Amino acid sequence: MEHIYLIVAPRDNPADYYNRKGWYSMVCQAVVDANYCFTNVYVGWPGRVHDARIFSNSDIYRQGENGELFPQHTVNINGTEIPVFLLGDAAYPLKSWLMRPFSDFGNLTYEQKTFNYKHSSTRMVVEGSFGRLKGRWRCLLKRLDVATVRVPYVVCSCCTLHNFCEVHGDGINEQWLNGVVGDQDNVFLANLQINQNNYAENIRVAVASYLV
């Protein structure tokens, strides 16, 4: 999941930060858990940089490819060993450690539709996490009027404080969520295929059959 944060036009290489939406920004790629906490935050790339480049250069990608992201634990489903994996939307590549939904061209099977529905329902926690983050730290709802080099520190600090609040049961006022609008901006990854293999597809098919 990637979100965009509005920033002041940098003095150095401002064109790199001018995104396709027409404003200066910096990208934040994050992973969240089921408790609305951020478990991995990768922020600092200019808003104009291709999302595929950001993802492929992130620690989460390197760890996933090297088998360092999760414990080496699997569950056998219909003869296929299913490892621990992340969920990513349709913008991300299908990997054994990263499951994306089935592409919908109008001919999905019942199993595939069920998988996509459950996949989407589970990922609702991502938008919820960003909503709660921005609800608590309103500075993320507007332009960050700090030096470009400080933007990652501000975003990561907000994520850390957010986690502290969530872990210690500091509830969120629903009124804080008013005006919080999601700004997911990772569509450029839609056709990205990075070392996709049959094992990843077998995992997705096995999980889809298990869910019905």
N, C-alpha and C. Protein backbone atom coordinates (compact mmCIF):
# COMPACT_ATOMS: atom_id res chain seq x y z
N MET A 1 0.84 -1.19 0.00
CA MET A 1 0.00 0.00 0.00
C MET A 1 0.88 1.23 0.00
N GLU A 2 0.56 2.17 -0.87
CA GLU A 2 1.34 3.40 -0.93
C GLU A 2 0.44 4.61 -0.80
N HIS A 3 0.90 5.57 -0.05
CA HIS A 3 0.19 6.83 0.10
C HIS A 3 1.12 7.98 -0.24
N ILE A 4 0.52 9.09 -0.63
CA ILE A 4 1.26 10.27 -1.05
C ILE A 4 1.09 11.39 -0.03
N TYR A 5 2.18 12.06 0.29
CA TYR A 5 2.11 13.18 1.21
C TYR A 5 2.54 14.45 0.50
N LEU A 6 1.69 15.47 0.62
CA LEU A 6 1.92 16.77 -0.01
C LEU A 6 3.05 17.49 0.70
N ILE A 7 4.00 18.01 -0.07
CA ILE A 7 5.16 18.70 0.51
C ILE A 7 5.39 20.03 -0.19
N VAL A 8 6.25 20.85 0.42
CA VAL A 8 6.68 22.10 -0.20
C VAL A 8 7.61 21.77 -1.36
N ALA A 9 7.54 22.56 -2.43
CA ALA A 9 8.41 22.32 -3.57
C ALA A 9 9.88 22.37 -3.14
N PRO A 10 10.63 21.28 -3.32
CA PRO A 10 12.04 21.26 -2.89
C PRO A 10 12.89 22.21 -3.73
N ARG A 11 13.97 22.67 -3.15
CA ARG A 11 14.90 23.51 -3.89
C ARG A 11 15.69 22.69 -4.90
N ASP A 12 16.05 21.48 -4.51
CA ASP A 12 16.85 20.61 -5.37
C ASP A 12 15.95 19.65 -6.15
N ASN A 13 16.09 19.63 -7.45
CA ASN A 13 15.35 18.72 -8.32
C ASN A 13 13.85 18.71 -8.06
N PRO A 14 13.21 19.85 -8.06
CA PRO A 14 11.77 19.90 -7.76
C PRO A 14 10.92 19.10 -8.74
N ALA A 15 11.36 19.00 -9.99
CA ALA A 15 10.57 18.26 -10.99
C ALA A 15 10.40 16.80 -10.60
N ASP A 16 11.36 16.24 -9.85
CA ASP A 16 11.27 14.84 -9.43
C ASP A 16 10.12 14.61 -8.46
N TYR A 17 9.72 15.65 -7.77
CA TYR A 17 8.67 15.54 -6.75
C TYR A 17 7.29 15.94 -7.26
N TYR A 18 7.25 16.43 -8.50
CA TYR A 18 5.98 16.90 -9.07
C TYR A 18 5.26 15.70 -9.67
N ASN A 19 4.22 15.23 -8.98
CA ASN A 19 3.58 13.98 -9.40
C ASN A 19 2.55 14.20 -10.50
N ARG A 20 2.00 13.10 -10.97
CA ARG A 20 1.06 13.16 -12.10
C ARG A 20 -0.27 13.79 -11.73
N LYS A 21 -0.51 14.00 -10.43
CA LYS A 21 -1.73 14.67 -10.00
C LYS A 21 -1.58 16.18 -10.00
N GLY A 22 -0.35 16.64 -10.16
CA GLY A 22 -0.14 18.07 -10.30
C GLY A 22 0.32 18.79 -9.06
N TRP A 23 0.93 18.05 -8.10
CA TRP A 23 1.48 18.73 -6.93
C TRP A 23 2.73 18.01 -6.45
N TYR A 24 3.47 18.69 -5.59
CA TYR A 24 4.73 18.14 -5.08
C TYR A 24 4.44 17.17 -3.94
N SER A 25 5.09 16.01 -4.00
CA SER A 25 4.76 14.99 -3.01
C SER A 25 5.92 14.05 -2.76
N MET A 26 5.74 13.25 -1.72
CA MET A 26 6.68 12.20 -1.35
C MET A 26 5.86 10.94 -1.09
N VAL A 27 6.40 9.78 -1.46
CA VAL A 27 5.66 8.53 -1.37
C VAL A 27 5.97 7.79 -0.07
N CYS A 28 4.93 7.20 0.52
CA CYS A 28 5.08 6.36 1.70
C CYS A 28 4.51 4.99 1.38
N GLN A 29 5.34 3.97 1.47
CA GLN A 29 4.90 2.58 1.30
C GLN A 29 4.88 1.95 2.68
N ALA A 30 3.77 1.32 3.05
CA ALA A 30 3.65 0.80 4.41
C ALA A 30 2.95 -0.55 4.44
N VAL A 31 3.26 -1.31 5.48
CA VAL A 31 2.60 -2.58 5.77
C VAL A 31 1.95 -2.45 7.14
N VAL A 32 0.72 -2.92 7.28
CA VAL A 32 0.02 -2.83 8.57
C VAL A 32 -0.44 -4.22 9.00
N ASP A 33 -0.71 -4.36 10.30
CA ASP A 33 -1.22 -5.62 10.80
C ASP A 33 -2.71 -5.50 11.08
N ALA A 34 -3.29 -6.54 11.64
CA ALA A 34 -4.74 -6.57 11.86
C ALA A 34 -5.18 -5.64 12.98
N ASN A 35 -4.21 -5.08 13.72
CA ASN A 35 -4.53 -4.20 14.85
C ASN A 35 -4.30 -2.73 14.53
N TYR A 36 -4.28 -2.39 13.24
CA TYR A 36 -4.10 -1.02 12.78
C TYR A 36 -2.71 -0.46 13.06
N CYS A 37 -1.74 -1.32 13.32
CA CYS A 37 -0.38 -0.86 13.58
C CYS A 37 0.49 -0.99 12.34
N PHE A 38 1.42 -0.08 12.18
CA PHE A 38 2.34 -0.09 11.05
C PHE A 38 3.54 -0.96 11.41
N THR A 39 3.78 -1.99 10.61
CA THR A 39 4.89 -2.90 10.88
C THR A 39 6.08 -2.64 9.96
N ASN A 40 5.88 -1.90 8.91
CA ASN A 40 6.97 -1.52 8.01
C ASN A 40 6.59 -0.22 7.31
N VAL A 41 7.46 0.76 7.37
CA VAL A 41 7.22 2.06 6.73
C VAL A 41 8.44 2.43 5.90
N TYR A 42 8.21 2.75 4.65
CA TYR A 42 9.29 3.09 3.72
C TYR A 42 8.91 4.39 3.04
N VAL A 43 9.52 5.48 3.45
CA VAL A 43 9.12 6.79 2.96
C VAL A 43 10.35 7.61 2.60
N GLY A 44 10.23 8.42 1.56
CA GLY A 44 11.33 9.30 1.17
C GLY A 44 11.51 9.45 -0.33
N TRP A 45 10.90 8.60 -1.13
CA TRP A 45 11.08 8.69 -2.57
C TRP A 45 10.24 9.83 -3.14
N PRO A 46 10.78 10.57 -4.11
CA PRO A 46 10.02 11.66 -4.74
C PRO A 46 8.73 11.16 -5.39
N GLY A 47 7.71 12.01 -5.38
CA GLY A 47 6.40 11.63 -5.88
C GLY A 47 6.34 11.26 -7.34
N ARG A 48 7.33 11.66 -8.12
CA ARG A 48 7.31 11.36 -9.55
C ARG A 48 7.96 10.01 -9.89
N VAL A 49 8.63 9.41 -8.90
CA VAL A 49 9.32 8.14 -9.15
C VAL A 49 8.31 7.03 -9.36
N HIS A 50 8.57 6.16 -10.33
CA HIS A 50 7.70 5.04 -10.63
C HIS A 50 7.56 4.15 -9.41
N ASP A 51 6.31 3.78 -9.07
CA ASP A 51 6.05 2.96 -7.90
C ASP A 51 6.78 1.62 -7.95
N ALA A 52 6.96 1.08 -9.16
CA ALA A 52 7.66 -0.20 -9.30
C ALA A 52 9.09 -0.08 -8.82
N ARG A 53 9.72 1.06 -9.07
CA ARG A 53 11.09 1.26 -8.64
C ARG A 53 11.16 1.36 -7.12
N ILE A 54 10.20 2.05 -6.53
CA ILE A 54 10.18 2.18 -5.08
C ILE A 54 10.01 0.82 -4.43
N PHE A 55 9.04 0.06 -4.90
CA PHE A 55 8.77 -1.26 -4.32
C PHE A 55 9.96 -2.19 -4.46
N SER A 56 10.57 -2.23 -5.64
CA SER A 56 11.68 -3.15 -5.87
C SER A 56 12.94 -2.76 -5.12
N ASN A 57 13.00 -1.52 -4.62
CA ASN A 57 14.16 -1.07 -3.86
C ASN A 57 13.92 -1.06 -2.35
N SER A 58 12.75 -1.50 -1.94
CA SER A 58 12.42 -1.47 -0.52
C SER A 58 12.94 -2.69 0.22
N ASP A 59 13.13 -2.55 1.52
CA ASP A 59 13.57 -3.67 2.35
C ASP A 59 12.55 -4.79 2.35
N ILE A 60 11.28 -4.43 2.30
CA ILE A 60 10.23 -5.45 2.34
C ILE A 60 10.33 -6.36 1.12
N TYR A 61 10.70 -5.79 -0.02
CA TYR A 61 10.85 -6.60 -1.23
C TYR A 61 12.10 -7.49 -1.13
N ARG A 62 13.19 -6.91 -0.67
CA ARG A 62 14.42 -7.69 -0.54
C ARG A 62 14.24 -8.84 0.44
N GLN A 63 13.62 -8.57 1.57
CA GLN A 63 13.40 -9.61 2.57
C GLN A 63 12.47 -10.69 2.04
N GLY A 64 11.44 -10.27 1.32
CA GLY A 64 10.51 -11.25 0.76
C GLY A 64 11.18 -12.16 -0.24
N GLU A 65 12.00 -11.59 -1.12
CA GLU A 65 12.68 -12.38 -2.13
C GLU A 65 13.75 -13.30 -1.54
N ASN A 66 14.34 -12.88 -0.43
CA ASN A 66 15.38 -13.69 0.20
C ASN A 66 14.85 -14.65 1.26
N GLY A 67 13.52 -14.69 1.41
CA GLY A 67 12.94 -15.60 2.38
C GLY A 67 13.18 -15.18 3.82
N GLU A 68 13.40 -13.89 4.06
CA GLU A 68 13.71 -13.39 5.40
C GLU A 68 12.53 -12.66 6.04
N LEU A 69 11.42 -12.58 5.33
CA LEU A 69 10.31 -11.76 5.80
C LEU A 69 9.51 -12.43 6.90
N PHE A 70 9.28 -13.73 6.75
CA PHE A 70 8.46 -14.48 7.69
C PHE A 70 9.17 -15.76 8.14
N PRO A 71 8.72 -16.36 9.24
CA PRO A 71 9.26 -17.67 9.65
C PRO A 71 9.00 -18.70 8.56
N GLN A 72 9.86 -19.68 8.46
CA GLN A 72 9.71 -20.73 7.45
C GLN A 72 8.67 -21.74 7.91
N HIS A 73 7.42 -21.29 7.90
CA HIS A 73 6.30 -22.12 8.35
C HIS A 73 5.29 -22.23 7.22
N THR A 74 4.82 -23.43 6.96
CA THR A 74 3.84 -23.65 5.89
C THR A 74 2.69 -24.52 6.39
N VAL A 75 1.57 -24.43 5.69
CA VAL A 75 0.41 -25.28 5.93
C VAL A 75 0.05 -25.93 4.61
N ASN A 76 -0.19 -27.22 4.63
CA ASN A 76 -0.51 -27.93 3.40
C ASN A 76 -2.00 -27.82 3.10
N ILE A 77 -2.31 -27.30 1.93
CA ILE A 77 -3.70 -27.20 1.46
C ILE A 77 -3.79 -27.84 0.09
N ASN A 78 -4.51 -28.92 0.00
CA ASN A 78 -4.70 -29.63 -1.27
C ASN A 78 -3.38 -29.96 -1.96
N GLY A 79 -2.39 -30.35 -1.15
CA GLY A 79 -1.11 -30.76 -1.71
C GLY A 79 -0.14 -29.62 -1.99
N THR A 80 -0.54 -28.39 -1.68
CA THR A 80 0.34 -27.24 -1.89
C THR A 80 0.77 -26.66 -0.55
N GLU A 81 2.06 -26.44 -0.40
CA GLU A 81 2.58 -25.85 0.83
C GLU A 81 2.35 -24.34 0.81
N ILE A 82 1.55 -23.87 1.76
CA ILE A 82 1.18 -22.46 1.82
C ILE A 82 2.01 -21.75 2.89
N PRO A 83 2.87 -20.82 2.50
CA PRO A 83 3.68 -20.08 3.47
C PRO A 83 2.91 -18.89 4.04
N VAL A 84 3.50 -18.23 5.00
CA VAL A 84 2.95 -16.96 5.49
C VAL A 84 3.15 -15.92 4.40
N PHE A 85 2.15 -15.08 4.15
CA PHE A 85 2.28 -14.09 3.08
C PHE A 85 1.57 -12.79 3.43
N LEU A 86 1.95 -11.74 2.73
CA LEU A 86 1.28 -10.45 2.81
C LEU A 86 0.14 -10.40 1.82
N LEU A 87 -0.78 -9.47 2.03
CA LEU A 87 -1.83 -9.19 1.06
C LEU A 87 -1.54 -7.83 0.43
N GLY A 88 -1.61 -7.79 -0.89
CA GLY A 88 -1.44 -6.53 -1.60
C GLY A 88 -2.53 -6.38 -2.63
N ASP A 89 -2.86 -5.16 -2.99
CA ASP A 89 -3.94 -4.97 -3.96
C ASP A 89 -3.46 -5.31 -5.37
N ALA A 90 -4.34 -5.07 -6.35
CA ALA A 90 -4.06 -5.47 -7.72
C ALA A 90 -2.86 -4.77 -8.32
N ALA A 91 -2.37 -3.74 -7.67
CA ALA A 91 -1.22 -3.00 -8.19
C ALA A 91 0.09 -3.76 -8.00
N TYR A 92 0.11 -4.71 -7.09
CA TYR A 92 1.36 -5.40 -6.76
C TYR A 92 1.50 -6.73 -7.49
N PRO A 93 2.74 -7.20 -7.63
CA PRO A 93 2.97 -8.48 -8.33
C PRO A 93 2.58 -9.67 -7.46
N LEU A 94 2.27 -10.76 -8.10
CA LEU A 94 1.96 -11.99 -7.39
C LEU A 94 3.26 -12.71 -7.03
N LYS A 95 3.49 -12.89 -5.73
CA LYS A 95 4.68 -13.57 -5.24
C LYS A 95 4.24 -14.62 -4.23
N SER A 96 5.11 -15.56 -3.93
CA SER A 96 4.77 -16.56 -2.92
C SER A 96 4.58 -15.91 -1.55
N TRP A 97 5.18 -14.76 -1.33
CA TRP A 97 5.06 -14.05 -0.06
C TRP A 97 4.15 -12.82 -0.15
N LEU A 98 3.52 -12.62 -1.31
CA LEU A 98 2.65 -11.47 -1.52
C LEU A 98 1.50 -11.87 -2.45
N MET A 99 0.31 -11.99 -1.89
CA MET A 99 -0.85 -12.40 -2.67
C MET A 99 -1.67 -11.20 -3.12
N ARG A 100 -1.88 -11.10 -4.41
CA ARG A 100 -2.75 -10.07 -4.98
C ARG A 100 -4.03 -10.75 -5.44
N PRO A 101 -5.11 -10.01 -5.67
CA PRO A 101 -6.35 -10.62 -6.13
C PRO A 101 -6.23 -11.10 -7.56
N PHE A 102 -7.15 -11.94 -7.97
CA PHE A 102 -7.21 -12.37 -9.36
C PHE A 102 -7.63 -11.19 -10.23
N SER A 103 -7.02 -11.05 -11.39
CA SER A 103 -7.42 -9.98 -12.32
C SER A 103 -8.81 -10.28 -12.85
N ASP A 104 -9.67 -9.31 -12.82
CA ASP A 104 -11.06 -9.50 -13.23
C ASP A 104 -11.28 -8.97 -14.64
N PHE A 105 -11.39 -9.90 -15.59
CA PHE A 105 -11.70 -9.54 -16.97
C PHE A 105 -13.12 -10.00 -17.34
N GLY A 106 -13.94 -10.22 -16.31
CA GLY A 106 -15.32 -10.61 -16.53
C GLY A 106 -15.57 -12.10 -16.60
N ASN A 107 -14.55 -12.91 -16.37
CA ASN A 107 -14.73 -14.35 -16.45
C ASN A 107 -14.20 -15.09 -15.24
N LEU A 108 -14.25 -14.45 -14.07
CA LEU A 108 -13.76 -15.10 -12.86
C LEU A 108 -14.67 -16.24 -12.42
N THR A 109 -14.07 -17.28 -11.87
CA THR A 109 -14.85 -18.39 -11.33
C THR A 109 -15.39 -17.99 -9.96
N TYR A 110 -16.28 -18.83 -9.43
CA TYR A 110 -16.83 -18.56 -8.10
C TYR A 110 -15.73 -18.55 -7.06
N GLU A 111 -14.79 -19.48 -7.16
CA GLU A 111 -13.68 -19.54 -6.22
C GLU A 111 -12.84 -18.27 -6.29
N GLN A 112 -12.58 -17.79 -7.49
CA GLN A 112 -11.77 -16.59 -7.65
C GLN A 112 -12.50 -15.35 -7.12
N LYS A 113 -13.79 -15.26 -7.37
CA LYS A 113 -14.57 -14.14 -6.85
C LYS A 113 -14.60 -14.15 -5.33
N THR A 114 -14.74 -15.34 -4.76
CA THR A 114 -14.75 -15.46 -3.30
C THR A 114 -13.41 -15.05 -2.72
N PHE A 115 -12.32 -15.49 -3.36
CA PHE A 115 -10.98 -15.11 -2.93
C PHE A 115 -10.81 -13.59 -2.97
N ASN A 116 -11.22 -12.98 -4.08
CA ASN A 116 -11.08 -11.53 -4.22
C ASN A 116 -11.89 -10.78 -3.16
N TYR A 117 -13.09 -11.29 -2.87
CA TYR A 117 -13.94 -10.63 -1.87
C TYR A 117 -13.30 -10.68 -0.49
N LYS A 118 -12.84 -11.86 -0.10
CA LYS A 118 -12.22 -12.01 1.21
C LYS A 118 -10.89 -11.25 1.28
N HIS A 119 -10.19 -11.24 0.17
CA HIS A 119 -8.92 -10.51 0.08
C HIS A 119 -9.18 -9.02 0.30
N SER A 120 -10.17 -8.48 -0.39
CA SER A 120 -10.50 -7.06 -0.27
C SER A 120 -11.01 -6.73 1.13
N SER A 121 -11.85 -7.60 1.69
CA SER A 121 -12.40 -7.36 3.03
C SER A 121 -11.29 -7.30 4.07
N THR A 122 -10.32 -8.19 3.93
CA THR A 122 -9.21 -8.23 4.89
C THR A 122 -8.36 -6.98 4.78
N ARG A 123 -8.17 -6.49 3.56
CA ARG A 123 -7.31 -5.33 3.35
C ARG A 123 -7.95 -4.01 3.77
N MET A 124 -9.22 -4.03 4.19
CA MET A 124 -9.86 -2.81 4.65
C MET A 124 -9.12 -2.21 5.85
N VAL A 125 -8.41 -3.06 6.57
CA VAL A 125 -7.66 -2.58 7.73
C VAL A 125 -6.56 -1.60 7.31
N VAL A 126 -6.11 -1.70 6.07
CA VAL A 126 -5.06 -0.80 5.59
C VAL A 126 -5.58 0.64 5.53
N GLU A 127 -6.70 0.82 4.87
CA GLU A 127 -7.28 2.17 4.80
C GLU A 127 -7.66 2.65 6.18
N GLY A 128 -8.12 1.70 7.02
CA GLY A 128 -8.47 2.07 8.38
C GLY A 128 -7.26 2.57 9.16
N SER A 129 -6.13 1.93 8.93
CA SER A 129 -4.90 2.32 9.63
C SER A 129 -4.46 3.72 9.22
N PHE A 130 -4.47 3.98 7.91
CA PHE A 130 -4.08 5.31 7.43
C PHE A 130 -5.09 6.36 7.89
N GLY A 131 -6.37 5.98 7.92
CA GLY A 131 -7.38 6.92 8.39
C GLY A 131 -7.17 7.29 9.85
N ARG A 132 -6.89 6.30 10.67
CA ARG A 132 -6.66 6.55 12.09
C ARG A 132 -5.35 7.33 12.30
N LEU A 133 -4.34 7.01 11.50
CA LEU A 133 -3.08 7.74 11.57
C LEU A 133 -3.30 9.23 11.30
N LYS A 134 -3.99 9.53 10.21
CA LYS A 134 -4.20 10.92 9.83
C LYS A 134 -5.21 11.60 10.75
N GLY A 135 -6.14 10.81 11.29
CA GLY A 135 -7.09 11.38 12.24
C GLY A 135 -6.40 11.85 13.50
N ARG A 136 -5.40 11.11 13.94
CA ARG A 136 -4.65 11.48 15.14
C ARG A 136 -3.68 12.63 14.86
N TRP A 137 -2.98 12.53 13.73
CA TRP A 137 -1.93 13.49 13.42
C TRP A 137 -2.35 14.29 12.20
N ARG A 138 -3.08 15.38 12.47
CA ARG A 138 -3.73 16.15 11.42
C ARG A 138 -2.75 16.81 10.46
N CYS A 139 -1.50 16.91 10.86
CA CYS A 139 -0.51 17.52 9.97
C CYS A 139 -0.37 16.73 8.67
N LEU A 140 -0.73 15.43 8.70
CA LEU A 140 -0.61 14.59 7.52
C LEU A 140 -1.77 14.79 6.54
N LEU A 141 -2.75 15.58 6.96
CA LEU A 141 -3.90 15.84 6.09
C LEU A 141 -3.66 17.04 5.17
N LYS A 142 -2.59 17.79 5.44
CA LYS A 142 -2.30 18.97 4.64
C LYS A 142 -0.84 18.96 4.22
N ARG A 143 -0.43 20.02 3.58
CA ARG A 143 0.96 20.10 3.15
C ARG A 143 1.89 20.14 4.36
N LEU A 144 2.95 19.34 4.29
CA LEU A 144 3.95 19.34 5.36
C LEU A 144 4.94 20.47 5.09
N ASP A 145 4.82 21.53 5.85
CA ASP A 145 5.65 22.71 5.63
C ASP A 145 6.98 22.58 6.38
N VAL A 146 7.73 21.55 6.02
CA VAL A 146 9.05 21.34 6.60
C VAL A 146 10.02 21.07 5.45
N ALA A 147 11.31 21.13 5.75
CA ALA A 147 12.30 20.83 4.72
C ALA A 147 12.11 19.41 4.21
N THR A 148 12.36 19.22 2.93
CA THR A 148 12.15 17.91 2.30
C THR A 148 12.85 16.79 3.06
N VAL A 149 14.05 17.04 3.52
CA VAL A 149 14.82 16.01 4.21
C VAL A 149 14.17 15.60 5.52
N ARG A 150 13.30 16.44 6.06
CA ARG A 150 12.65 16.14 7.34
C ARG A 150 11.32 15.41 7.19
N VAL A 151 10.77 15.38 5.99
CA VAL A 151 9.47 14.76 5.78
C VAL A 151 9.44 13.30 6.23
N PRO A 152 10.42 12.46 5.85
CA PRO A 152 10.39 11.07 6.32
C PRO A 152 10.38 10.95 7.84
N TYR A 153 11.09 11.84 8.52
CA TYR A 153 11.13 11.81 9.98
C TYR A 153 9.76 12.13 10.57
N VAL A 154 9.07 13.10 9.96
CA VAL A 154 7.74 13.46 10.44
C VAL A 154 6.77 12.30 10.26
N VAL A 155 6.76 11.71 9.07
CA VAL A 155 5.83 10.62 8.78
C VAL A 155 6.12 9.40 9.66
N CYS A 156 7.39 9.03 9.77
CA CYS A 156 7.76 7.86 10.58
C CYS A 156 7.47 8.10 12.06
N SER A 157 7.68 9.33 12.52
CA SER A 157 7.38 9.65 13.92
C SER A 157 5.90 9.53 14.19
N CYS A 158 5.09 10.00 13.26
CA CYS A 158 3.63 9.89 13.41
C CYS A 158 3.21 8.42 13.45
N CYS A 159 3.82 7.60 12.60
CA CYS A 159 3.49 6.17 12.58
C CYS A 159 3.87 5.50 13.90
N THR A 160 5.03 5.88 14.44
CA THR A 160 5.49 5.30 15.71
C THR A 160 4.56 5.70 16.85
N LEU A 161 4.21 6.97 16.92
CA LEU A 161 3.30 7.43 17.96
C LEU A 161 1.91 6.80 17.81
N HIS A 162 1.50 6.66 16.57
CA HIS A 162 0.22 5.99 16.28
C HIS A 162 0.23 4.57 16.83
N ASN A 163 1.30 3.83 16.57
CA ASN A 163 1.41 2.46 17.08
C ASN A 163 1.36 2.43 18.60
N PHE A 164 2.04 3.38 19.23
CA PHE A 164 2.04 3.46 20.69
C PHE A 164 0.61 3.63 21.20
N CYS A 165 -0.14 4.51 20.55
CA CYS A 165 -1.53 4.74 20.96
C CYS A 165 -2.38 3.48 20.78
N GLU A 166 -2.21 2.80 19.65
CA GLU A 166 -2.99 1.60 19.38
C GLU A 166 -2.65 0.49 20.37
N VAL A 167 -1.37 0.26 20.60
CA VAL A 167 -0.94 -0.82 21.50
C VAL A 167 -1.43 -0.59 22.92
N HIS A 168 -1.47 0.67 23.35
CA HIS A 168 -1.87 0.98 24.72
C HIS A 168 -3.35 1.34 24.84
N GLY A 169 -4.12 1.03 23.82
CA GLY A 169 -5.57 1.17 23.90
C GLY A 169 -6.09 2.58 23.94
N ASP A 170 -5.34 3.51 23.41
CA ASP A 170 -5.79 4.90 23.34
C ASP A 170 -6.77 5.01 22.18
N GLY A 171 -8.05 5.02 22.49
CA GLY A 171 -9.08 5.01 21.46
C GLY A 171 -9.05 6.25 20.59
N ILE A 172 -9.71 6.13 19.46
CA ILE A 172 -9.76 7.25 18.52
C ILE A 172 -11.17 7.80 18.45
N ASN A 173 -11.29 9.09 18.48
CA ASN A 173 -12.59 9.75 18.37
C ASN A 173 -13.04 9.68 16.92
N GLU A 174 -14.23 9.14 16.68
CA GLU A 174 -14.72 8.99 15.31
C GLU A 174 -14.80 10.32 14.58
N GLN A 175 -14.97 11.41 15.32
CA GLN A 175 -15.03 12.73 14.68
C GLN A 175 -13.69 13.10 14.05
N TRP A 176 -12.60 12.51 14.56
CA TRP A 176 -11.29 12.81 14.00
C TRP A 176 -11.18 12.30 12.57
N LEU A 177 -12.02 11.31 12.23
CA LEU A 177 -11.94 10.72 10.90
C LEU A 177 -12.69 11.51 9.85
N ASN A 178 -13.45 12.52 10.28
CA ASN A 178 -14.16 13.36 9.33
C ASN A 178 -13.16 14.12 8.45
N GLY A 179 -13.36 14.05 7.17
CA GLY A 179 -12.48 14.74 6.24
C GLY A 179 -11.24 13.98 5.88
N VAL A 180 -11.06 12.79 6.47
CA VAL A 180 -9.91 11.97 6.12
C VAL A 180 -10.25 11.17 4.88
N VAL A 181 -9.57 11.43 3.80
CA VAL A 181 -9.84 10.78 2.52
C VAL A 181 -8.63 9.98 2.11
N GLY A 182 -8.86 8.75 1.70
CA GLY A 182 -7.75 7.91 1.25
C GLY A 182 -7.12 8.49 0.00
N ASP A 183 -5.79 8.31 -0.13
CA ASP A 183 -5.09 8.85 -1.28
C ASP A 183 -4.16 7.81 -1.88
N GLN A 184 -4.65 6.59 -1.94
CA GLN A 184 -3.84 5.52 -2.51
C GLN A 184 -3.44 5.91 -3.93
N ASP A 185 -2.19 5.67 -4.25
CA ASP A 185 -1.68 6.16 -5.53
C ASP A 185 -0.64 5.20 -6.10
N ASN A 186 -1.02 3.94 -6.22
CA ASN A 186 -0.02 2.97 -6.67
C ASN A 186 -0.44 2.24 -7.94
N VAL A 187 -1.25 2.88 -8.78
CA VAL A 187 -1.77 2.21 -9.96
C VAL A 187 -0.68 1.86 -10.97
N PHE A 188 0.46 2.53 -10.90
CA PHE A 188 1.52 2.27 -11.87
C PHE A 188 2.13 0.89 -11.72
N LEU A 189 1.79 0.20 -10.64
CA LEU A 189 2.34 -1.14 -10.45
C LEU A 189 1.46 -2.21 -11.11
N ALA A 190 0.36 -1.80 -11.71
CA ALA A 190 -0.66 -2.74 -12.15
C ALA A 190 -0.14 -3.86 -13.03
N ASN A 191 0.79 -3.57 -13.91
CA ASN A 191 1.28 -4.59 -14.83
C ASN A 191 2.67 -5.09 -14.47
N LEU A 192 3.09 -4.82 -13.25
CA LEU A 192 4.42 -5.22 -12.83
C LEU A 192 4.49 -6.72 -12.59
N GLN A 193 5.43 -7.38 -13.21
CA GLN A 193 5.67 -8.80 -13.00
C GLN A 193 7.14 -8.99 -12.68
N ILE A 194 7.46 -9.16 -11.40
CA ILE A 194 8.85 -9.31 -10.98
C ILE A 194 9.07 -10.75 -10.53
N ASN A 195 9.70 -11.54 -11.39
CA ASN A 195 10.01 -12.93 -11.05
C ASN A 195 8.78 -13.71 -10.58
N GLN A 196 7.65 -13.43 -11.18
CA GLN A 196 6.45 -14.18 -10.83
C GLN A 196 6.63 -15.63 -11.28
N ASN A 197 6.20 -16.59 -10.45
CA ASN A 197 6.39 -17.99 -10.80
C ASN A 197 5.14 -18.80 -10.57
N ASN A 198 5.18 -20.05 -11.02
CA ASN A 198 4.03 -20.92 -10.91
C ASN A 198 3.70 -21.25 -9.46
N TYR A 199 4.72 -21.29 -8.60
CA TYR A 199 4.48 -21.60 -7.19
C TYR A 199 3.53 -20.58 -6.56
N ALA A 200 3.75 -19.30 -6.87
CA ALA A 200 2.89 -18.26 -6.33
C ALA A 200 1.45 -18.44 -6.81
N GLU A 201 1.30 -18.77 -8.09
CA GLU A 201 -0.05 -18.99 -8.62
C GLU A 201 -0.69 -20.21 -7.98
N ASN A 202 0.09 -21.27 -7.76
CA ASN A 202 -0.44 -22.47 -7.12
C ASN A 202 -0.92 -22.18 -5.70
N ILE A 203 -0.19 -21.31 -5.01
CA ILE A 203 -0.60 -20.92 -3.66
C ILE A 203 -1.93 -20.20 -3.70
N ARG A 204 -2.07 -19.27 -4.62
CA ARG A 204 -3.31 -18.50 -4.71
C ARG A 204 -4.50 -19.39 -5.06
N VAL A 205 -4.29 -20.31 -5.98
CA VAL A 205 -5.36 -21.23 -6.39
C VAL A 205 -5.77 -22.13 -5.22
N ALA A 206 -4.78 -22.64 -4.48
CA ALA A 206 -5.06 -23.51 -3.36
C ALA A 206 -5.84 -22.78 -2.26
N VAL A 207 -5.43 -21.55 -1.96
CA VAL A 207 -6.12 -20.76 -0.95
C VAL A 207 -7.54 -20.43 -1.42
N ALA A 208 -7.69 -20.12 -2.70
CA ALA A 208 -9.03 -19.82 -3.23
C ALA A 208 -9.97 -21.00 -3.09
N SER A 209 -9.47 -22.19 -3.35
CA SER A 209 -10.31 -23.38 -3.24
C SER A 209 -10.66 -23.68 -1.78
N TYR A 210 -9.75 -23.34 -0.88
CA TYR A 210 -9.95 -23.58 0.54
C TYR A 210 -11.02 -22.65 1.12
N LEU A 211 -11.16 -21.46 0.55
CA LEU A 211 -12.06 -20.45 1.11
C LEU A 211 -13.53 -20.67 0.77
N VAL A 212 -13.82 -21.50 -0.19
CA VAL A 212 -15.24 -21.69 -0.59
C VAL A 212 -15.87 -22.83 0.18
